[in-house]
N, C-alpha and C. Protein backbone atom coordinates (compact mmCIF):
# COMPACT_ATOMS: atom_id res chain seq x y z
N MET A 1 16.07 44.81 24.82
CA MET A 1 16.85 44.42 25.97
C MET A 1 18.27 44.94 25.80
N ASP A 2 18.93 45.02 26.89
CA ASP A 2 20.30 45.54 26.89
C ASP A 2 21.27 44.39 26.65
N PRO A 3 21.95 44.33 25.49
CA PRO A 3 22.89 43.23 25.23
C PRO A 3 24.08 43.24 26.19
N ALA A 4 24.41 44.39 26.76
CA ALA A 4 25.55 44.44 27.68
C ALA A 4 25.22 43.70 28.98
N PHE A 5 23.96 43.68 29.40
CA PHE A 5 23.56 43.03 30.65
C PHE A 5 23.55 41.50 30.50
N PHE A 6 22.95 41.00 29.39
CA PHE A 6 22.84 39.55 29.20
C PHE A 6 24.00 38.96 28.39
N GLY A 7 24.72 39.75 27.70
CA GLY A 7 25.79 39.25 26.86
C GLY A 7 25.33 38.94 25.44
N LYS A 8 24.03 38.89 25.25
CA LYS A 8 23.47 38.68 23.92
C LYS A 8 22.06 39.25 23.93
N VAL A 9 21.50 39.37 22.75
CA VAL A 9 20.15 39.89 22.64
C VAL A 9 19.19 38.78 23.05
N VAL A 10 18.35 39.04 24.03
CA VAL A 10 17.37 38.07 24.51
C VAL A 10 16.03 38.44 23.90
N PRO A 11 15.36 37.49 23.23
CA PRO A 11 14.08 37.83 22.60
C PRO A 11 12.98 38.02 23.64
N TRP A 12 12.00 38.78 23.27
CA TRP A 12 10.85 38.98 24.14
C TRP A 12 10.04 37.68 24.23
N THR A 13 9.19 37.58 25.19
CA THR A 13 8.35 36.40 25.33
C THR A 13 7.45 36.28 24.12
N GLY A 14 7.40 35.10 23.54
CA GLY A 14 6.59 34.86 22.35
C GLY A 14 7.32 35.16 21.07
N LEU A 15 8.52 35.67 21.15
CA LEU A 15 9.29 35.98 19.95
C LEU A 15 10.47 35.03 19.82
N ARG A 16 10.26 33.79 20.07
CA ARG A 16 11.32 32.80 19.95
C ARG A 16 11.59 32.51 18.48
N ARG A 17 12.70 31.90 18.21
CA ARG A 17 13.00 31.59 16.82
C ARG A 17 12.07 30.47 16.35
N PRO A 18 11.73 30.47 15.08
CA PRO A 18 10.81 29.45 14.57
C PRO A 18 11.47 28.07 14.61
N PRO A 19 10.66 27.03 14.74
CA PRO A 19 11.23 25.69 14.75
C PRO A 19 11.84 25.35 13.39
N PRO A 20 12.81 24.47 13.37
CA PRO A 20 13.42 24.10 12.08
C PRO A 20 12.40 23.36 11.21
N PRO A 21 12.56 23.46 9.91
CA PRO A 21 11.60 22.76 9.02
C PRO A 21 11.71 21.25 9.22
N PRO A 22 10.58 20.56 9.19
CA PRO A 22 10.63 19.11 9.41
C PRO A 22 11.24 18.39 8.21
N ASN A 23 11.89 17.29 8.49
CA ASN A 23 12.42 16.45 7.42
C ASN A 23 11.28 15.56 6.95
N VAL A 24 10.75 15.86 5.80
CA VAL A 24 9.60 15.12 5.29
C VAL A 24 10.11 13.99 4.40
N ARG A 25 10.29 12.84 5.01
CA ARG A 25 10.68 11.63 4.27
C ARG A 25 9.85 10.48 4.80
N PRO A 26 9.02 9.87 3.99
CA PRO A 26 8.24 8.74 4.49
C PRO A 26 9.14 7.55 4.78
N VAL A 27 8.81 6.83 5.84
CA VAL A 27 9.59 5.66 6.20
C VAL A 27 9.36 4.55 5.17
N HIS A 28 8.09 4.33 4.81
CA HIS A 28 7.74 3.35 3.80
C HIS A 28 7.04 4.08 2.67
N PRO A 29 7.35 3.73 1.43
CA PRO A 29 6.62 4.38 0.34
C PRO A 29 5.14 4.01 0.38
N VAL A 30 4.32 4.97 0.03
CA VAL A 30 2.88 4.77 0.06
C VAL A 30 2.39 4.58 -1.37
N TYR A 31 1.63 3.54 -1.58
CA TYR A 31 1.10 3.25 -2.90
C TYR A 31 -0.40 3.47 -2.89
N SER A 32 -0.89 4.04 -3.97
CA SER A 32 -2.31 4.34 -4.03
C SER A 32 -3.13 3.13 -4.46
N ARG A 33 -2.49 2.15 -5.05
CA ARG A 33 -3.26 1.02 -5.51
C ARG A 33 -3.46 0.02 -4.38
N GLY A 34 -4.59 -0.65 -4.42
CA GLY A 34 -4.91 -1.63 -3.41
C GLY A 34 -4.63 -3.02 -3.90
N PRO A 35 -5.49 -3.94 -3.57
CA PRO A 35 -5.27 -5.31 -4.02
C PRO A 35 -5.34 -5.45 -5.53
N MET A 36 -4.49 -6.32 -6.04
CA MET A 36 -4.46 -6.54 -7.48
C MET A 36 -5.12 -7.88 -7.78
N ARG A 37 -5.96 -7.91 -8.78
CA ARG A 37 -6.64 -9.12 -9.20
C ARG A 37 -5.85 -9.70 -10.37
N ASN A 38 -5.34 -10.89 -10.20
CA ASN A 38 -4.54 -11.55 -11.23
C ASN A 38 -5.36 -12.67 -11.84
N MET A 39 -5.52 -12.63 -13.15
CA MET A 39 -6.26 -13.67 -13.87
C MET A 39 -5.31 -14.28 -14.89
N GLU A 40 -5.07 -15.58 -14.78
CA GLU A 40 -4.17 -16.27 -15.70
C GLU A 40 -4.91 -17.43 -16.35
N GLN A 41 -4.52 -17.76 -17.57
CA GLN A 41 -5.11 -18.90 -18.25
C GLN A 41 -4.19 -20.09 -18.11
N LEU A 42 -4.76 -21.21 -17.69
CA LEU A 42 -4.00 -22.45 -17.54
C LEU A 42 -3.91 -23.16 -18.88
N PRO A 43 -2.95 -24.08 -19.04
CA PRO A 43 -2.79 -24.78 -20.34
C PRO A 43 -4.02 -25.58 -20.76
N ASP A 44 -4.85 -26.00 -19.80
CA ASP A 44 -6.02 -26.81 -20.17
C ASP A 44 -7.25 -25.97 -20.50
N GLY A 45 -7.11 -24.66 -20.55
CA GLY A 45 -8.21 -23.79 -20.95
C GLY A 45 -8.94 -23.14 -19.79
N ARG A 46 -8.68 -23.58 -18.57
CA ARG A 46 -9.31 -22.95 -17.41
C ARG A 46 -8.59 -21.66 -17.06
N HIS A 47 -9.23 -20.85 -16.25
CA HIS A 47 -8.65 -19.58 -15.79
C HIS A 47 -8.53 -19.62 -14.29
N ILE A 48 -7.45 -19.08 -13.76
CA ILE A 48 -7.23 -19.05 -12.32
C ILE A 48 -7.16 -17.58 -11.88
N GLU A 49 -7.86 -17.25 -10.79
CA GLU A 49 -7.92 -15.88 -10.29
C GLU A 49 -7.32 -15.85 -8.88
N THR A 50 -6.35 -14.96 -8.67
CA THR A 50 -5.76 -14.76 -7.35
C THR A 50 -5.73 -13.28 -7.04
N PHE A 51 -5.64 -12.94 -5.77
CA PHE A 51 -5.53 -11.56 -5.32
C PHE A 51 -4.21 -11.39 -4.58
N THR A 52 -3.46 -10.37 -4.93
CA THR A 52 -2.19 -10.11 -4.27
C THR A 52 -2.11 -8.65 -3.86
N MET A 53 -1.29 -8.39 -2.87
CA MET A 53 -0.97 -7.04 -2.42
C MET A 53 0.53 -6.98 -2.17
N ARG A 54 1.07 -5.79 -2.11
CA ARG A 54 2.48 -5.62 -1.77
C ARG A 54 2.57 -5.26 -0.29
N ASN A 55 3.49 -5.94 0.42
CA ASN A 55 3.67 -5.62 1.83
C ASN A 55 4.67 -4.48 1.97
N SER A 56 5.06 -4.19 3.19
CA SER A 56 5.95 -3.04 3.42
C SER A 56 7.36 -3.28 2.89
N TYR A 57 7.70 -4.53 2.57
CA TYR A 57 9.01 -4.85 2.02
C TYR A 57 8.97 -5.00 0.50
N GLU A 58 7.87 -4.57 -0.13
CA GLU A 58 7.70 -4.59 -1.58
C GLU A 58 7.65 -6.00 -2.15
N GLN A 59 7.19 -6.96 -1.37
CA GLN A 59 7.02 -8.31 -1.87
C GLN A 59 5.54 -8.55 -2.10
N GLU A 60 5.22 -9.27 -3.17
CA GLU A 60 3.82 -9.58 -3.43
C GLU A 60 3.39 -10.72 -2.53
N VAL A 61 2.26 -10.51 -1.85
CA VAL A 61 1.73 -11.50 -0.92
C VAL A 61 0.31 -11.84 -1.37
N GLN A 62 0.03 -13.13 -1.51
CA GLN A 62 -1.31 -13.55 -1.92
C GLN A 62 -2.22 -13.58 -0.70
N PHE A 63 -3.46 -13.15 -0.87
CA PHE A 63 -4.45 -13.23 0.20
C PHE A 63 -5.77 -13.64 -0.41
N GLY A 64 -6.64 -14.13 0.44
CA GLY A 64 -7.95 -14.54 -0.04
C GLY A 64 -7.90 -15.89 -0.73
N ALA A 65 -8.98 -16.24 -1.34
CA ALA A 65 -9.13 -17.55 -1.98
C ALA A 65 -8.67 -17.49 -3.43
N THR A 66 -8.31 -18.66 -3.94
CA THR A 66 -7.98 -18.82 -5.35
C THR A 66 -9.18 -19.49 -6.03
N THR A 67 -9.65 -18.90 -7.10
CA THR A 67 -10.84 -19.41 -7.78
C THR A 67 -10.49 -19.87 -9.19
N ILE A 68 -11.03 -21.00 -9.57
CA ILE A 68 -10.85 -21.53 -10.93
C ILE A 68 -12.13 -21.28 -11.71
N TYR A 69 -12.00 -20.72 -12.91
CA TYR A 69 -13.15 -20.42 -13.78
C TYR A 69 -13.05 -21.23 -15.06
N VAL A 70 -14.21 -21.54 -15.61
CA VAL A 70 -14.32 -22.21 -16.91
C VAL A 70 -15.26 -21.37 -17.78
N VAL A 71 -14.93 -21.23 -19.06
CA VAL A 71 -15.78 -20.48 -19.98
C VAL A 71 -16.85 -21.44 -20.52
N ASN A 72 -18.13 -21.08 -20.35
CA ASN A 72 -19.21 -21.96 -20.81
C ASN A 72 -19.50 -21.73 -22.30
N ASP A 73 -20.55 -22.36 -22.80
CA ASP A 73 -20.88 -22.29 -24.23
C ASP A 73 -21.27 -20.88 -24.68
N TYR A 74 -21.69 -20.03 -23.75
CA TYR A 74 -22.12 -18.67 -24.08
C TYR A 74 -21.00 -17.64 -23.91
N GLY A 75 -19.81 -18.08 -23.54
CA GLY A 75 -18.68 -17.17 -23.37
C GLY A 75 -18.62 -16.51 -22.01
N VAL A 76 -19.37 -17.04 -21.06
CA VAL A 76 -19.39 -16.46 -19.71
C VAL A 76 -18.47 -17.28 -18.82
N MET A 77 -17.66 -16.60 -17.99
CA MET A 77 -16.77 -17.31 -17.08
C MET A 77 -17.56 -17.75 -15.85
N VAL A 78 -17.56 -19.04 -15.57
CA VAL A 78 -18.32 -19.62 -14.47
C VAL A 78 -17.33 -20.18 -13.45
N PRO A 79 -17.43 -19.79 -12.17
CA PRO A 79 -16.52 -20.35 -11.16
C PRO A 79 -16.85 -21.82 -10.91
N THR A 80 -15.83 -22.67 -10.93
CA THR A 80 -16.04 -24.10 -10.73
C THR A 80 -15.38 -24.61 -9.46
N GLU A 81 -14.20 -24.12 -9.12
CA GLU A 81 -13.48 -24.55 -7.93
C GLU A 81 -13.04 -23.34 -7.14
N CYS A 82 -12.90 -23.56 -5.83
CA CYS A 82 -12.44 -22.50 -4.96
C CYS A 82 -11.46 -23.11 -3.96
N TRP A 83 -10.24 -22.61 -3.96
CA TRP A 83 -9.22 -23.12 -3.06
C TRP A 83 -8.94 -22.04 -2.03
N GLY A 84 -8.89 -22.39 -0.77
CA GLY A 84 -8.55 -21.45 0.28
C GLY A 84 -9.61 -21.42 1.35
N ALA A 85 -9.35 -20.61 2.37
CA ALA A 85 -10.22 -20.58 3.55
C ALA A 85 -11.44 -19.69 3.35
N GLN A 86 -11.45 -18.80 2.38
CA GLN A 86 -12.53 -17.83 2.23
C GLN A 86 -13.41 -18.17 1.05
N CYS A 87 -13.74 -19.41 0.85
CA CYS A 87 -14.56 -19.81 -0.29
C CYS A 87 -16.03 -19.70 0.04
């Protein structure tokens, strides 16, 4: 094209400048791990099991039921109590 006519070089159709590179920044960090199973031993010898996940604000949130286990004579953990709505 004639730069004197347009005042600047005009690109041909389909020869536009490429788009700027995207800013690749995640809004929330993505974690590959899912729910965490937490097993703790109580002072009386029982074990308590809870499930937690991290929300978008990085706080641990408990979900699901809480289960109490007791170790029997053979060393096997047997569920005895279940607290929560999903028992």
